[in-house]
Amino acid sequence: MSTLQIRLKNCIQTILELEPDMRAGVWGRHFDEELSTLKDYLHQVDQMNLAEEDVTRLEKATATFLAELRLSTGNGSQPQRLLQ
């Protein structure tokens, strides 16, 4: 496995690790289809021919996605919860 493949797998796995929190939070099942697609891609990464520019772009997109999730939860540590 190449370094590029490892880096891409890391991006995908990082997002997939958030699935339980995303389901429990305000996002619910909104990202089900996208998460399913990422799981499929994760199994295909080993056969992908990747370019440095593409992996760098995906790493930046992953970082942006994570930052947006942190902003939507308030302080980034815990999703905001409504009192019931």
C-alpha atoms as a PDB file:
ATOM      1  CA  MET A   1       0.000   0.000   0.000  1.00  0.00           C
ATOM      2  CA  SER A   2       1.366   3.398  -0.965  1.00  0.00           C
ATOM      3  CA  THR A   3       1.657   6.424   1.292  1.00  0.00           C
ATOM      4  CA  LEU A   4      -1.056   8.127  -0.759  1.00  0.00           C
ATOM      5  CA  GLN A   5      -3.413   5.216  -0.189  1.00  0.00           C
ATOM      6  CA  ILE A   6      -2.703   5.292   3.546  1.00  0.00           C
ATOM      7  CA  ARG A   7      -3.389   9.030   3.675  1.00  0.00           C
ATOM      8  CA  LEU A   8      -6.668   8.628   1.796  1.00  0.00           C
ATOM      9  CA  LYS A   9      -7.723   5.754   4.050  1.00  0.00           C
ATOM     10  CA  ASN A  10      -6.980   7.936   7.067  1.00  0.00           C
ATOM     11  CA  CYS A  11      -9.301  10.659   5.748  1.00  0.00           C
ATOM     12  CA  ILE A  12     -12.120   8.220   5.109  1.00  0.00           C
ATOM     13  CA  GLN A  13     -11.696   6.432   8.438  1.00  0.00           C
ATOM     14  CA  THR A  14     -11.636   9.744  10.311  1.00  0.00           C
ATOM     15  CA  ILE A  15     -15.018  10.685   8.875  1.00  0.00           C
ATOM     16  CA  LEU A  16     -16.471   7.209   9.406  1.00  0.00           C
ATOM     17  CA  GLU A  17     -15.436   7.280  13.070  1.00  0.00           C
ATOM     18  CA  LEU A  18     -17.815  10.214  13.505  1.00  0.00           C
ATOM     19  CA  GLU A  19     -20.827   8.190  12.346  1.00  0.00           C
ATOM     20  CA  PRO A  20     -22.183   7.385  15.854  1.00  0.00           C
ATOM     21  CA  ASP A  21     -21.878  11.021  16.927  1.00  0.00           C
ATOM     22  CA  MET A  22     -23.472  12.218  13.715  1.00  0.00           C
ATOM     23  CA  ARG A  23     -26.426   9.863  14.182  1.00  0.00           C
ATOM     24  CA  ALA A  24     -26.859  10.905  17.818  1.00  0.00           C
ATOM     25  CA  GLY A  25     -26.549  14.613  17.091  1.00  0.00           C
ATOM     26  CA  VAL A  26     -28.574  17.092  15.141  1.00  0.00           C
ATOM     27  CA  TRP A  27     -27.618  15.427  11.849  1.00  0.00           C
ATOM     28  CA  GLY A  28     -29.489  12.204  12.546  1.00  0.00           C
ATOM     29  CA  ARG A  29     -29.487   9.965   9.523  1.00  0.00           C
ATOM     30  CA  HIS A  30     -28.919  12.835   7.099  1.00  0.00           C
ATOM     31  CA  PHE A  31     -25.540  11.495   5.946  1.00  0.00           C
ATOM     32  CA  ASP A  32     -26.447   7.794   5.638  1.00  0.00           C
ATOM     33  CA  GLU A  33     -25.992   7.612   1.879  1.00  0.00           C
ATOM     34  CA  GLU A  34     -22.689   9.498   1.942  1.00  0.00           C
ATOM     35  CA  LEU A  35     -21.317   7.381   4.782  1.00  0.00           C
ATOM     36  CA  SER A  36     -22.293   4.224   2.927  1.00  0.00           C
ATOM     37  CA  THR A  37     -20.460   5.479  -0.159  1.00  0.00           C
ATOM     38  CA  LEU A  38     -17.361   6.247   1.941  1.00  0.00           C
ATOM     39  CA  LYS A  39     -17.433   2.707   3.347  1.00  0.00           C
ATOM     40  CA  ASP A  40     -17.486   1.350  -0.213  1.00  0.00           C
ATOM     41  CA  TYR A  41     -14.556   3.579  -1.208  1.00  0.00           C
ATOM     42  CA  LEU A  42     -12.583   2.500   1.844  1.00  0.00           C
ATOM     43  CA  HIS A  43     -12.589  -1.069   0.529  1.00  0.00           C
ATOM     44  CA  GLN A  44     -11.410   0.094  -2.910  1.00  0.00           C
ATOM     45  CA  VAL A  45      -8.536   2.381  -1.893  1.00  0.00           C
ATOM     46  CA  ASP A  46      -5.945  -0.391  -2.193  1.00  0.00           C
ATOM     47  CA  GLN A  47      -6.639  -0.648  -5.938  1.00  0.00           C
ATOM     48  CA  MET A  48      -6.724   3.107  -6.605  1.00  0.00           C
ATOM     49  CA  ASN A  49      -4.021   4.910  -8.534  1.00  0.00           C
ATOM     50  CA  LEU A  50      -3.756   8.201  -6.662  1.00  0.00           C
ATOM     51  CA  ALA A  51      -2.035  11.508  -7.333  1.00  0.00           C
ATOM     52  CA  GLU A  52      -0.501  13.694  -4.608  1.00  0.00           C
ATOM     53  CA  GLU A  53      -2.651  16.667  -5.619  1.00  0.00           C
ATOM     54  CA  ASP A  54      -5.866  14.663  -5.304  1.00  0.00           C
ATOM     55  CA  VAL A  55      -4.988  13.290  -1.882  1.00  0.00           C
ATOM     56  CA  THR A  56      -3.945  16.736  -0.655  1.00  0.00           C
ATOM     57  CA  ARG A  57      -7.259  18.149  -1.889  1.00  0.00           C
ATOM     58  CA  LEU A  58      -9.176  15.383  -0.081  1.00  0.00           C
ATOM     59  CA  GLU A  59      -7.190  15.965   3.115  1.00  0.00           C
ATOM     60  CA  LYS A  60      -8.109  19.660   2.973  1.00  0.00           C
ATOM     61  CA  ALA A  61     -11.756  18.792   2.323  1.00  0.00           C
ATOM     62  CA  THR A  62     -11.733  16.426   5.301  1.00  0.00           C
ATOM     63  CA  ALA A  63     -10.241  19.118   7.534  1.00  0.00           C
ATOM     64  CA  THR A  64     -12.869  21.611   6.345  1.00  0.00           C
ATOM     65  CA  PHE A  65     -15.667  19.106   6.998  1.00  0.00           C
ATOM     66  CA  LEU A  66     -14.365  18.423  10.513  1.00  0.00           C
ATOM     67  CA  ALA A  67     -14.090  22.164  11.217  1.00  0.00           C
ATOM     68  CA  GLU A  68     -17.667  22.714  10.059  1.00  0.00           C
ATOM     69  CA  LEU A  69     -18.886  19.922  12.311  1.00  0.00           C
ATOM     70  CA  ARG A  70     -17.037  21.479  15.252  1.00  0.00           C
ATOM     71  CA  LEU A  71     -18.626  24.852  14.527  1.00  0.00           C
ATOM     72  CA  SER A  72     -22.089  23.336  14.355  1.00  0.00           C
ATOM     73  CA  THR A  73     -21.647  21.723  17.772  1.00  0.00           C
ATOM     74  CA  GLY A  74     -20.627  24.971  19.415  1.00  0.00           C
ATOM     75  CA  ASN A  75     -17.194  24.347  20.882  1.00  0.00           C
ATOM     76  CA  GLY A  76     -16.071  21.261  19.043  1.00  0.00           C
ATOM     77  CA  SER A  77     -15.965  18.958  22.018  1.00  0.00           C
ATOM     78  CA  GLN A  78     -19.565  17.884  22.482  1.00  0.00           C
ATOM     79  CA  PRO A  79     -22.648  18.195  20.282  1.00  0.00           C
ATOM     80  CA  GLN A  80     -25.139  20.667  21.677  1.00  0.00           C
ATOM     81  CA  ARG A  81     -28.118  18.957  23.219  1.00  0.00           C
ATOM     82  CA  LEU A  82     -31.575  20.279  23.843  1.00  0.00           C
ATOM     83  CA  LEU A  83     -32.997  20.080  27.350  1.00  0.00           C
ATOM     84  CA  GLN A  84     -36.082  17.954  27.560  1.00  0.00           C
END
